[in-house]
């Protein structure tokens, strides 16, 4: 039973990371639209020092793992490491191997946000952070017994303001729209009755 649960959770974490990475790498990052707080910081690192987006995302996410260990425990931190790594690898793979010749930014925002929200939602309902600001959102969700979408939106919004003020103010509109769509999908996935019971990993009853 324990082994079955491990493989089930492992499969969902891998799927969540790949889906999230697909939305980010294919639809959002080509327009420099941050996928979240960590994505916003990754965009800034890419803008300032030219670090590849996948590597910048990995560095930002892993810098916040200490918080995951302190508040969520070693197990969640290890699963978060796995989700971060899978997401970063997916971003790199899709950016290198999949390109869309004709783009329309608002369509890309819609599809990117839907995939991003689905991936993050799968991870959060398994009690696994998607990394970065998701760590803080999961902590707030656990301690306040709320869905993680709302705190995730507001914290990311602050980072978007910083990113937009440095790179391009148009980004803030696009990023906030993307976050609004994706966090709605996050809460939808987290609250959906897929298994007959509510399974957000560390949700208080």
N, C-alpha and C. Protein backbone atom coordinates (compact mmCIF):
# COMPACT_ATOMS: atom_id res chain seq x y z
N UNK A 1 0.83 -1.21 0.00
CA UNK A 1 0.00 0.00 0.00
C UNK A 1 0.87 1.26 0.00
N UNK A 2 1.94 1.24 0.83
CA UNK A 2 2.84 2.39 0.88
C UNK A 2 3.54 2.57 -0.46
N UNK A 3 3.98 1.44 -1.05
CA UNK A 3 4.67 1.51 -2.34
C UNK A 3 3.73 2.02 -3.43
N UNK A 4 2.49 1.56 -3.36
CA UNK A 4 1.49 1.99 -4.35
C UNK A 4 1.25 3.49 -4.24
N UNK A 5 1.14 3.97 -2.99
CA UNK A 5 0.93 5.41 -2.77
C UNK A 5 2.12 6.21 -3.28
N UNK A 6 3.34 5.69 -3.05
CA UNK A 6 4.54 6.38 -3.50
C UNK A 6 4.55 6.54 -5.02
N UNK A 7 4.27 5.44 -5.74
CA UNK A 7 4.31 5.50 -7.20
C UNK A 7 3.18 6.38 -7.75
N UNK A 8 2.04 6.36 -7.08
CA UNK A 8 0.92 7.21 -7.50
C UNK A 8 1.29 8.68 -7.34
N UNK A 9 1.84 9.02 -6.16
CA UNK A 9 2.23 10.40 -5.91
C UNK A 9 3.37 10.81 -6.83
N UNK A 10 4.33 9.91 -7.04
CA UNK A 10 5.45 10.21 -7.93
C UNK A 10 4.96 10.52 -9.34
N UNK A 11 3.99 9.72 -9.81
CA UNK A 11 3.44 9.95 -11.14
C UNK A 11 2.73 11.29 -11.25
N UNK A 12 1.99 11.67 -10.20
CA UNK A 12 1.27 12.94 -10.21
C UNK A 12 2.23 14.13 -10.13
N UNK A 13 3.30 13.98 -9.35
CA UNK A 13 4.30 15.06 -9.26
C UNK A 13 5.00 15.25 -10.59
N UNK A 14 5.36 14.15 -11.24
CA UNK A 14 5.99 14.24 -12.56
C UNK A 14 5.03 14.89 -13.56
N UNK A 15 3.77 14.44 -13.55
CA UNK A 15 2.78 14.99 -14.47
C UNK A 15 2.56 16.48 -14.21
N UNK A 16 2.44 16.86 -12.93
CA UNK A 16 2.25 18.27 -12.59
C UNK A 16 3.41 19.13 -13.05
N UNK A 17 4.64 18.62 -12.85
CA UNK A 17 5.82 19.37 -13.28
C UNK A 17 5.89 19.54 -14.78
N UNK A 18 5.56 18.47 -15.52
CA UNK A 18 5.61 18.53 -16.98
C UNK A 18 4.54 19.48 -17.52
N UNK A 19 3.32 19.38 -16.98
CA UNK A 19 2.23 20.24 -17.45
C UNK A 19 2.55 21.71 -17.16
N UNK A 20 3.06 21.97 -15.96
CA UNK A 20 3.44 23.33 -15.60
C UNK A 20 4.56 23.84 -16.51
N UNK A 21 5.58 23.01 -16.72
CA UNK A 21 6.70 23.40 -17.57
C UNK A 21 6.28 23.64 -19.01
N UNK A 22 5.30 22.87 -19.49
CA UNK A 22 4.78 23.05 -20.85
C UNK A 22 4.13 24.42 -21.00
N UNK A 23 3.28 24.77 -20.04
CA UNK A 23 2.62 26.07 -20.11
C UNK A 23 3.59 27.23 -20.05
N UNK A 24 4.62 27.08 -19.21
CA UNK A 24 5.60 28.14 -19.04
C UNK A 24 6.53 28.25 -20.26
N UNK A 25 7.12 27.11 -20.64
CA UNK A 25 8.13 27.12 -21.69
C UNK A 25 7.60 27.41 -23.08
N UNK A 26 6.39 26.94 -23.38
CA UNK A 26 5.84 27.06 -24.72
C UNK A 26 5.04 28.36 -24.90
N UNK A 27 4.30 28.77 -23.87
CA UNK A 27 3.37 29.87 -24.05
C UNK A 27 3.74 31.17 -23.32
N UNK A 28 4.26 31.08 -22.10
CA UNK A 28 4.46 32.29 -21.30
C UNK A 28 5.86 32.89 -21.42
N UNK A 29 6.90 32.08 -21.24
CA UNK A 29 8.26 32.61 -21.26
C UNK A 29 8.69 33.21 -22.59
N UNK A 30 8.20 32.71 -23.75
CA UNK A 30 8.58 33.37 -25.01
C UNK A 30 8.17 34.84 -25.08
N UNK A 31 7.18 35.24 -24.28
CA UNK A 31 6.75 36.64 -24.22
C UNK A 31 7.32 37.34 -22.98
N UNK A 32 8.23 36.67 -22.27
CA UNK A 32 8.79 37.19 -21.00
C UNK A 32 7.71 37.44 -19.97
N UNK A 33 6.63 36.66 -20.01
CA UNK A 33 5.56 36.78 -19.04
C UNK A 33 5.88 35.85 -17.87
N UNK A 34 6.09 36.39 -16.66
CA UNK A 34 6.42 35.54 -15.52
C UNK A 34 5.24 34.66 -15.15
N UNK A 35 5.52 33.39 -14.89
CA UNK A 35 4.47 32.43 -14.55
C UNK A 35 4.07 32.54 -13.10
N UNK A 36 4.84 33.26 -12.30
CA UNK A 36 4.57 33.39 -10.88
C UNK A 36 5.70 34.18 -10.26
N UNK A 37 5.74 34.18 -8.93
CA UNK A 37 6.79 34.91 -8.25
C UNK A 37 8.17 34.42 -8.64
N UNK A 38 8.36 33.09 -8.62
CA UNK A 38 9.65 32.53 -9.02
C UNK A 38 9.93 32.81 -10.49
N UNK A 39 8.89 32.70 -11.32
CA UNK A 39 9.05 33.00 -12.74
C UNK A 39 9.43 34.45 -12.97
N UNK A 40 8.83 35.37 -12.16
CA UNK A 40 9.17 36.78 -12.28
C UNK A 40 10.63 37.04 -11.94
N UNK A 41 11.10 36.41 -10.86
CA UNK A 41 12.50 36.57 -10.48
C UNK A 41 13.42 35.94 -11.53
N UNK A 42 12.98 34.82 -12.12
CA UNK A 42 13.77 34.18 -13.18
C UNK A 42 13.87 35.08 -14.41
N UNK A 43 12.76 35.75 -14.75
CA UNK A 43 12.77 36.70 -15.87
C UNK A 43 13.76 37.83 -15.59
N UNK A 44 13.79 38.31 -14.35
CA UNK A 44 14.72 39.38 -13.98
C UNK A 44 16.17 38.92 -14.08
N UNK A 45 16.45 37.70 -13.61
CA UNK A 45 17.81 37.16 -13.71
C UNK A 45 18.23 37.02 -15.17
N UNK A 46 17.30 36.56 -16.00
CA UNK A 46 17.57 36.43 -17.42
C UNK A 46 17.83 37.79 -18.05
N UNK A 47 17.07 38.79 -17.63
CA UNK A 47 17.19 40.15 -18.16
C UNK A 47 18.49 40.80 -17.72
N UNK A 48 18.86 40.63 -16.44
CA UNK A 48 20.03 41.29 -15.88
C UNK A 48 21.35 40.63 -16.29
N UNK A 49 21.42 39.31 -16.17
CA UNK A 49 22.71 38.62 -16.36
C UNK A 49 22.68 37.57 -17.47
N UNK A 50 21.56 37.42 -18.15
CA UNK A 50 21.50 36.53 -19.30
C UNK A 50 21.49 35.05 -18.97
N UNK A 51 21.12 34.69 -17.73
CA UNK A 51 21.03 33.27 -17.37
C UNK A 51 19.85 32.64 -18.09
N UNK A 52 20.06 31.44 -18.62
CA UNK A 52 18.98 30.71 -19.28
C UNK A 52 17.77 30.60 -18.35
N UNK A 53 16.57 30.76 -18.91
CA UNK A 53 15.36 30.79 -18.10
C UNK A 53 15.17 29.53 -17.25
N UNK A 54 15.45 28.37 -17.82
CA UNK A 54 15.27 27.12 -17.07
C UNK A 54 16.22 27.05 -15.89
N UNK A 55 17.47 27.49 -16.07
CA UNK A 55 18.46 27.48 -14.99
C UNK A 55 18.10 28.53 -13.94
N UNK A 56 17.70 29.72 -14.38
CA UNK A 56 17.32 30.79 -13.45
C UNK A 56 16.14 30.35 -12.60
N UNK A 57 15.17 29.67 -13.23
CA UNK A 57 14.00 29.19 -12.50
C UNK A 57 14.40 28.18 -11.44
N UNK A 58 15.32 27.28 -11.80
CA UNK A 58 15.80 26.27 -10.87
C UNK A 58 16.50 26.91 -9.69
N UNK A 59 17.36 27.90 -9.94
CA UNK A 59 18.10 28.56 -8.88
C UNK A 59 17.17 29.29 -7.91
N UNK A 60 16.19 30.03 -8.45
CA UNK A 60 15.25 30.76 -7.59
C UNK A 60 14.45 29.80 -6.73
N UNK A 61 13.96 28.72 -7.34
CA UNK A 61 13.14 27.77 -6.59
C UNK A 61 13.92 27.09 -5.48
N UNK A 62 15.12 26.65 -5.77
CA UNK A 62 15.89 25.94 -4.77
C UNK A 62 16.33 26.85 -3.63
N UNK A 63 16.42 28.16 -3.90
CA UNK A 63 16.81 29.08 -2.83
C UNK A 63 15.75 29.16 -1.74
N UNK A 64 14.51 28.77 -2.05
CA UNK A 64 13.43 28.83 -1.08
C UNK A 64 13.14 27.48 -0.42
N UNK A 65 13.95 26.47 -0.71
CA UNK A 65 13.70 25.15 -0.14
C UNK A 65 13.90 25.12 1.37
N UNK A 66 14.74 26.01 1.88
CA UNK A 66 14.95 26.06 3.33
C UNK A 66 13.63 26.35 4.05
N UNK A 67 12.80 27.19 3.44
CA UNK A 67 11.50 27.50 4.02
C UNK A 67 10.61 26.26 4.01
N UNK A 68 10.67 25.50 2.93
CA UNK A 68 9.86 24.28 2.84
C UNK A 68 10.27 23.29 3.92
N UNK A 69 11.59 23.15 4.14
CA UNK A 69 12.07 22.22 5.16
C UNK A 69 11.62 22.67 6.55
N UNK A 70 11.71 23.97 6.82
CA UNK A 70 11.38 24.51 8.15
C UNK A 70 9.90 24.36 8.47
N UNK A 71 9.03 24.67 7.53
CA UNK A 71 7.60 24.73 7.83
C UNK A 71 6.80 23.53 7.34
N UNK A 72 7.27 22.85 6.30
CA UNK A 72 6.50 21.77 5.72
C UNK A 72 7.11 20.40 5.93
N UNK A 73 8.36 20.36 6.39
CA UNK A 73 8.99 19.08 6.68
C UNK A 73 9.87 18.57 5.55
N UNK A 74 10.73 17.62 5.89
CA UNK A 74 11.69 17.08 4.92
C UNK A 74 11.02 16.40 3.74
N UNK A 75 9.94 15.68 4.00
CA UNK A 75 9.26 14.94 2.93
C UNK A 75 8.74 15.89 1.86
N UNK A 76 8.04 16.96 2.29
CA UNK A 76 7.52 17.93 1.34
C UNK A 76 8.65 18.62 0.59
N UNK A 77 9.76 18.88 1.30
CA UNK A 77 10.91 19.54 0.66
C UNK A 77 11.48 18.65 -0.44
N UNK A 78 11.57 17.35 -0.19
CA UNK A 78 12.10 16.42 -1.19
C UNK A 78 11.18 16.34 -2.40
N UNK A 79 9.87 16.27 -2.14
CA UNK A 79 8.91 16.24 -3.25
C UNK A 79 8.96 17.56 -4.03
N UNK A 80 9.15 18.67 -3.30
CA UNK A 80 9.26 19.97 -3.96
C UNK A 80 10.49 20.02 -4.85
N UNK A 81 11.61 19.46 -4.38
CA UNK A 81 12.81 19.38 -5.20
C UNK A 81 12.53 18.62 -6.49
N UNK A 82 11.79 17.52 -6.36
CA UNK A 82 11.46 16.72 -7.54
C UNK A 82 10.59 17.52 -8.50
N UNK A 83 9.60 18.25 -7.98
CA UNK A 83 8.70 19.02 -8.86
C UNK A 83 9.44 20.17 -9.53
N UNK A 84 10.34 20.83 -8.77
CA UNK A 84 11.12 21.93 -9.33
C UNK A 84 12.01 21.44 -10.46
N UNK A 85 12.70 20.32 -10.20
CA UNK A 85 13.60 19.76 -11.21
C UNK A 85 12.84 19.35 -12.46
N UNK A 86 11.71 18.68 -12.28
CA UNK A 86 10.91 18.25 -13.43
C UNK A 86 10.39 19.44 -14.22
N UNK A 87 9.94 20.49 -13.52
CA UNK A 87 9.45 21.68 -14.19
C UNK A 87 10.55 22.35 -15.00
N UNK A 88 11.73 22.50 -14.39
CA UNK A 88 12.85 23.16 -15.08
C UNK A 88 13.30 22.36 -16.29
N UNK A 89 13.38 21.05 -16.15
CA UNK A 89 13.75 20.19 -17.28
C UNK A 89 12.72 20.30 -18.40
N UNK A 90 11.45 20.37 -18.02
CA UNK A 90 10.38 20.47 -19.01
C UNK A 90 10.45 21.81 -19.75
N UNK A 91 10.69 22.90 -19.00
CA UNK A 91 10.84 24.21 -19.63
C UNK A 91 11.96 24.17 -20.66
N UNK A 92 13.10 23.62 -20.26
CA UNK A 92 14.26 23.54 -21.16
C UNK A 92 13.94 22.69 -22.39
N UNK A 93 13.31 21.52 -22.16
CA UNK A 93 13.01 20.61 -23.26
C UNK A 93 12.05 21.25 -24.26
N UNK A 94 10.97 21.84 -23.76
CA UNK A 94 9.96 22.41 -24.66
C UNK A 94 10.49 23.66 -25.38
N UNK A 95 11.31 24.46 -24.70
CA UNK A 95 11.87 25.63 -25.37
C UNK A 95 12.84 25.24 -26.47
N UNK A 96 13.56 24.14 -26.27
CA UNK A 96 14.55 23.71 -27.25
C UNK A 96 13.93 22.93 -28.41
N UNK A 97 12.81 22.25 -28.17
CA UNK A 97 12.30 21.30 -29.17
C UNK A 97 10.92 21.64 -29.72
N UNK A 98 10.27 22.65 -29.17
CA UNK A 98 8.92 22.97 -29.65
C UNK A 98 8.79 24.47 -29.83
N UNK A 99 8.48 24.88 -31.03
CA UNK A 99 8.30 26.31 -31.30
C UNK A 99 7.02 26.53 -32.09
N UNK A 100 6.38 27.65 -31.85
CA UNK A 100 5.15 28.01 -32.55
C UNK A 100 5.48 29.15 -33.50
N UNK A 101 5.41 28.93 -34.82
CA UNK A 101 5.84 29.95 -35.79
C UNK A 101 5.05 31.25 -35.73
N UNK A 102 3.73 31.14 -35.58
CA UNK A 102 2.90 32.34 -35.52
C UNK A 102 2.26 32.42 -34.14
N UNK A 103 2.53 33.54 -33.46
CA UNK A 103 2.06 33.68 -32.09
C UNK A 103 1.10 34.86 -31.94
N UNK A 104 0.16 34.70 -31.03
CA UNK A 104 -0.71 35.79 -30.62
C UNK A 104 -0.67 35.82 -29.10
N UNK A 105 -0.16 36.91 -28.53
CA UNK A 105 0.18 36.93 -27.11
C UNK A 105 -1.01 36.60 -26.20
N UNK A 106 -2.20 37.08 -26.54
CA UNK A 106 -3.34 36.85 -25.65
C UNK A 106 -3.80 35.40 -25.69
N UNK A 107 -3.68 34.77 -26.85
CA UNK A 107 -4.00 33.34 -26.94
C UNK A 107 -2.99 32.53 -26.15
N UNK A 108 -1.70 32.90 -26.26
CA UNK A 108 -0.65 32.22 -25.51
C UNK A 108 -0.86 32.38 -24.01
N UNK A 109 -1.29 33.56 -23.58
CA UNK A 109 -1.56 33.78 -22.16
C UNK A 109 -2.66 32.84 -21.68
N UNK A 110 -3.72 32.71 -22.47
CA UNK A 110 -4.83 31.85 -22.09
C UNK A 110 -4.39 30.40 -21.95
N UNK A 111 -3.76 29.86 -22.99
CA UNK A 111 -3.36 28.45 -22.95
C UNK A 111 -2.25 28.22 -21.91
N UNK A 112 -1.29 29.15 -21.87
CA UNK A 112 -0.21 29.01 -20.89
C UNK A 112 -0.74 29.01 -19.47
N UNK A 113 -1.71 29.87 -19.18
CA UNK A 113 -2.28 29.97 -17.83
C UNK A 113 -3.08 28.73 -17.47
N UNK A 114 -3.80 28.18 -18.43
CA UNK A 114 -4.58 26.96 -18.18
C UNK A 114 -3.66 25.79 -17.84
N UNK A 115 -2.60 25.61 -18.62
CA UNK A 115 -1.65 24.53 -18.35
C UNK A 115 -0.90 24.78 -17.04
N UNK A 116 -0.49 26.03 -16.81
CA UNK A 116 0.21 26.37 -15.58
C UNK A 116 -0.65 26.06 -14.36
N UNK A 117 -1.89 26.52 -14.38
CA UNK A 117 -2.79 26.29 -13.25
C UNK A 117 -3.07 24.83 -13.01
N UNK A 118 -3.23 24.06 -14.09
CA UNK A 118 -3.48 22.63 -13.95
C UNK A 118 -2.28 21.93 -13.31
N UNK A 119 -1.08 22.26 -13.77
CA UNK A 119 0.12 21.64 -13.22
C UNK A 119 0.33 21.99 -11.76
N UNK A 120 0.21 23.28 -11.43
CA UNK A 120 0.39 23.72 -10.04
C UNK A 120 -0.69 23.12 -9.15
N UNK A 121 -1.92 23.07 -9.65
CA UNK A 121 -3.02 22.49 -8.87
C UNK A 121 -2.80 21.02 -8.54
N UNK A 122 -2.30 20.26 -9.50
CA UNK A 122 -1.99 18.84 -9.26
C UNK A 122 -0.95 18.71 -8.15
N UNK A 123 0.07 19.56 -8.19
CA UNK A 123 1.12 19.49 -7.18
C UNK A 123 0.60 19.89 -5.80
N UNK A 124 -0.14 21.00 -5.72
CA UNK A 124 -0.59 21.49 -4.43
C UNK A 124 -1.60 20.56 -3.78
N UNK A 125 -2.45 19.91 -4.55
CA UNK A 125 -3.41 19.00 -3.93
C UNK A 125 -2.75 17.72 -3.43
N UNK A 126 -1.53 17.47 -3.90
CA UNK A 126 -0.74 16.36 -3.37
C UNK A 126 0.12 16.79 -2.19
N UNK A 127 -0.03 18.05 -1.75
CA UNK A 127 0.76 18.56 -0.64
C UNK A 127 2.17 18.88 -1.03
N UNK A 128 2.41 19.08 -2.33
CA UNK A 128 3.74 19.37 -2.85
C UNK A 128 3.74 20.77 -3.42
N UNK A 129 4.71 21.58 -3.00
CA UNK A 129 4.81 22.93 -3.54
C UNK A 129 5.38 22.87 -4.95
N UNK A 130 4.96 23.81 -5.77
CA UNK A 130 5.55 23.94 -7.11
C UNK A 130 6.83 24.75 -7.06
N UNK A 131 7.29 25.07 -5.85
CA UNK A 131 8.52 25.83 -5.68
C UNK A 131 8.26 27.31 -5.56
N UNK A 132 9.31 28.07 -5.26
CA UNK A 132 9.20 29.51 -5.19
C UNK A 132 8.13 29.98 -4.22
N UNK A 133 7.29 30.89 -4.69
CA UNK A 133 6.25 31.47 -3.85
C UNK A 133 5.19 30.44 -3.50
N UNK A 134 5.10 29.38 -4.29
CA UNK A 134 4.17 28.29 -3.98
C UNK A 134 4.43 27.68 -2.62
N UNK A 135 5.70 27.71 -2.17
CA UNK A 135 6.04 27.22 -0.84
C UNK A 135 5.29 28.02 0.21
N UNK A 136 5.36 29.34 0.08
CA UNK A 136 4.69 30.23 1.05
C UNK A 136 3.17 30.06 0.96
N UNK A 137 2.65 29.95 -0.25
CA UNK A 137 1.21 29.78 -0.43
C UNK A 137 0.73 28.47 0.21
N UNK A 138 1.52 27.42 0.10
CA UNK A 138 1.15 26.14 0.70
C UNK A 138 1.18 26.22 2.22
N UNK A 139 2.16 26.94 2.78
CA UNK A 139 2.24 27.14 4.23
C UNK A 139 0.99 27.87 4.72
N UNK A 140 0.64 28.95 4.04
CA UNK A 140 -0.55 29.73 4.41
C UNK A 140 -1.80 28.86 4.28
N UNK A 141 -1.87 28.09 3.20
CA UNK A 141 -3.02 27.21 2.97
C UNK A 141 -3.18 26.20 4.09
N UNK A 142 -2.07 25.62 4.54
CA UNK A 142 -2.11 24.61 5.59
C UNK A 142 -2.51 25.20 6.94
N UNK A 143 -1.93 26.36 7.28
CA UNK A 143 -2.15 26.93 8.60
C UNK A 143 -3.48 27.68 8.72
N UNK A 144 -3.99 28.19 7.60
CA UNK A 144 -5.24 28.93 7.66
C UNK A 144 -6.42 28.14 7.10
N UNK A 145 -6.13 26.91 6.64
CA UNK A 145 -7.17 26.02 6.10
C UNK A 145 -7.95 26.69 4.97
N UNK A 146 -7.21 27.28 4.03
CA UNK A 146 -7.82 27.92 2.88
C UNK A 146 -7.23 27.33 1.60
N UNK A 147 -7.89 27.57 0.49
CA UNK A 147 -7.34 27.17 -0.78
C UNK A 147 -6.14 28.06 -1.10
N UNK A 148 -5.12 27.53 -1.80
CA UNK A 148 -3.87 28.27 -1.99
C UNK A 148 -3.90 29.35 -3.08
N UNK A 149 -4.94 29.38 -3.89
CA UNK A 149 -4.94 30.29 -5.03
C UNK A 149 -4.86 31.76 -4.66
N UNK A 150 -5.63 32.19 -3.64
CA UNK A 150 -5.69 33.61 -3.29
C UNK A 150 -4.36 34.15 -2.77
N UNK A 151 -3.72 33.51 -1.77
CA UNK A 151 -2.41 34.05 -1.34
C UNK A 151 -1.36 33.99 -2.43
N UNK A 152 -1.46 32.96 -3.28
CA UNK A 152 -0.52 32.84 -4.39
C UNK A 152 -0.66 34.03 -5.34
N UNK A 153 -1.88 34.43 -5.61
CA UNK A 153 -2.13 35.55 -6.52
C UNK A 153 -1.55 36.86 -5.97
N UNK A 154 -1.81 37.17 -4.69
CA UNK A 154 -1.39 38.45 -4.14
C UNK A 154 0.12 38.55 -3.99
N UNK A 155 0.77 37.45 -3.56
CA UNK A 155 2.23 37.50 -3.43
C UNK A 155 2.90 37.62 -4.79
N UNK A 156 2.40 36.87 -5.75
CA UNK A 156 2.96 36.97 -7.09
C UNK A 156 2.75 38.35 -7.69
N UNK A 157 1.61 38.98 -7.36
CA UNK A 157 1.32 40.31 -7.89
C UNK A 157 2.37 41.33 -7.51
N UNK A 158 2.88 41.25 -6.28
CA UNK A 158 3.91 42.18 -5.83
C UNK A 158 5.18 42.02 -6.67
N UNK A 159 5.55 40.75 -6.92
CA UNK A 159 6.76 40.49 -7.72
C UNK A 159 6.54 40.94 -9.16
N UNK A 160 5.32 40.79 -9.67
CA UNK A 160 5.03 41.24 -11.03
C UNK A 160 5.21 42.75 -11.16
N UNK A 161 4.80 43.48 -10.13
CA UNK A 161 4.98 44.94 -10.16
C UNK A 161 6.45 45.30 -10.28
N UNK A 162 7.29 44.58 -9.52
CA UNK A 162 8.73 44.82 -9.59
C UNK A 162 9.27 44.49 -10.98
N UNK A 163 8.86 43.33 -11.51
CA UNK A 163 9.32 42.90 -12.84
C UNK A 163 8.89 43.89 -13.91
N UNK A 164 7.63 44.32 -13.85
CA UNK A 164 7.10 45.24 -14.86
C UNK A 164 7.78 46.59 -14.79
N UNK A 165 8.09 47.06 -13.57
CA UNK A 165 8.72 48.37 -13.43
C UNK A 165 10.13 48.39 -14.01
N UNK A 166 10.76 47.23 -14.08
CA UNK A 166 12.12 47.15 -14.60
C UNK A 166 12.15 46.83 -16.10
N UNK A 167 11.27 45.94 -16.54
CA UNK A 167 11.33 45.47 -17.93
C UNK A 167 10.31 46.18 -18.81
N UNK A 168 9.04 46.03 -18.51
CA UNK A 168 8.00 46.59 -19.38
C UNK A 168 6.68 46.60 -18.62
N UNK A 169 6.04 47.77 -18.52
CA UNK A 169 4.80 47.86 -17.74
C UNK A 169 3.66 47.05 -18.35
N UNK A 170 3.72 46.79 -19.64
CA UNK A 170 2.68 45.97 -20.27
C UNK A 170 2.67 44.57 -19.68
N UNK A 171 3.84 44.13 -19.20
CA UNK A 171 3.95 42.79 -18.63
C UNK A 171 3.03 42.62 -17.43
N UNK A 172 2.84 43.68 -16.63
CA UNK A 172 2.04 43.56 -15.42
C UNK A 172 0.61 43.19 -15.74
N UNK A 173 0.06 43.77 -16.82
CA UNK A 173 -1.31 43.44 -17.22
C UNK A 173 -1.39 41.98 -17.67
N UNK A 174 -0.44 41.59 -18.49
CA UNK A 174 -0.43 40.22 -18.99
C UNK A 174 -0.18 39.22 -17.87
N UNK A 175 0.75 39.55 -16.97
CA UNK A 175 1.08 38.64 -15.88
C UNK A 175 -0.07 38.49 -14.89
N UNK A 176 -0.72 39.60 -14.55
CA UNK A 176 -1.85 39.53 -13.62
C UNK A 176 -3.01 38.77 -14.22
N UNK A 177 -3.26 38.96 -15.52
CA UNK A 177 -4.31 38.18 -16.18
C UNK A 177 -3.97 36.70 -16.15
N UNK A 178 -2.70 36.38 -16.44
CA UNK A 178 -2.26 35.00 -16.41
C UNK A 178 -2.43 34.41 -15.02
N UNK A 179 -2.05 35.19 -13.99
CA UNK A 179 -2.19 34.70 -12.62
C UNK A 179 -3.64 34.52 -12.22
N UNK A 180 -4.50 35.44 -12.65
CA UNK A 180 -5.91 35.31 -12.30
C UNK A 180 -6.49 34.03 -12.88
N UNK A 181 -6.18 33.75 -14.14
CA UNK A 181 -6.68 32.53 -14.78
C UNK A 181 -6.08 31.30 -14.12
N UNK A 182 -4.75 31.29 -13.94
CA UNK A 182 -4.08 30.10 -13.43
C UNK A 182 -4.46 29.79 -11.99
N UNK A 183 -4.63 30.84 -11.14
CA UNK A 183 -5.00 30.57 -9.75
C UNK A 183 -6.45 30.10 -9.63
N UNK A 184 -7.31 30.53 -10.55
CA UNK A 184 -8.66 29.99 -10.58
C UNK A 184 -8.63 28.50 -10.92
N UNK A 185 -7.75 28.13 -11.86
CA UNK A 185 -7.60 26.72 -12.22
C UNK A 185 -6.99 25.94 -11.06
N UNK A 186 -6.02 26.55 -10.35
CA UNK A 186 -5.42 25.90 -9.18
C UNK A 186 -6.49 25.54 -8.16
N UNK A 187 -7.34 26.50 -7.80
CA UNK A 187 -8.40 26.24 -6.81
C UNK A 187 -9.41 25.23 -7.33
N UNK A 188 -9.69 25.26 -8.63
CA UNK A 188 -10.60 24.29 -9.22
C UNK A 188 -10.05 22.88 -9.11
N UNK A 189 -8.77 22.71 -9.44
CA UNK A 189 -8.14 21.39 -9.35
C UNK A 189 -8.04 20.93 -7.90
N UNK A 190 -7.68 21.86 -6.99
CA UNK A 190 -7.52 21.49 -5.59
C UNK A 190 -8.84 21.10 -4.93
N UNK A 191 -9.94 21.68 -5.37
CA UNK A 191 -11.23 21.42 -4.74
C UNK A 191 -12.05 20.37 -5.48
N UNK A 192 -11.62 19.95 -6.67
CA UNK A 192 -12.36 18.97 -7.46
C UNK A 192 -12.34 17.61 -6.78
N UNK A 193 -13.45 16.91 -6.85
CA UNK A 193 -13.59 15.61 -6.19
C UNK A 193 -13.20 14.50 -7.16
N UNK A 194 -11.89 14.41 -7.46
CA UNK A 194 -11.42 13.42 -8.42
C UNK A 194 -11.47 12.00 -7.86
N UNK A 195 -11.17 11.86 -6.56
CA UNK A 195 -11.01 10.52 -5.99
C UNK A 195 -12.12 10.14 -5.03
N UNK A 196 -13.17 10.97 -4.99
CA UNK A 196 -14.25 10.67 -4.07
C UNK A 196 -14.05 11.36 -2.72
N UNK A 197 -12.84 11.82 -2.44
CA UNK A 197 -12.55 12.56 -1.21
C UNK A 197 -11.62 13.70 -1.56
N UNK A 198 -11.62 14.69 -0.71
CA UNK A 198 -10.75 15.84 -0.93
C UNK A 198 -9.34 15.47 -0.50
N UNK A 199 -8.34 15.62 -1.39
CA UNK A 199 -7.05 15.02 -1.13
C UNK A 199 -5.89 16.02 -1.11
N UNK A 200 -6.15 17.29 -0.94
CA UNK A 200 -5.02 18.20 -0.84
C UNK A 200 -4.16 17.75 0.33
N UNK A 201 -2.93 17.33 0.00
CA UNK A 201 -2.09 16.53 0.88
C UNK A 201 -2.09 16.90 2.35
N UNK A 202 -1.90 18.17 2.70
CA UNK A 202 -1.72 18.52 4.09
C UNK A 202 -2.86 19.39 4.61
N UNK A 203 -4.02 19.29 3.90
CA UNK A 203 -5.17 20.11 4.31
C UNK A 203 -5.67 19.70 5.68
N UNK A 204 -5.91 20.64 6.55
CA UNK A 204 -6.47 20.35 7.85
C UNK A 204 -7.95 20.02 7.70
N UNK A 205 -8.40 19.04 8.43
CA UNK A 205 -9.81 18.64 8.38
C UNK A 205 -10.65 19.61 9.20
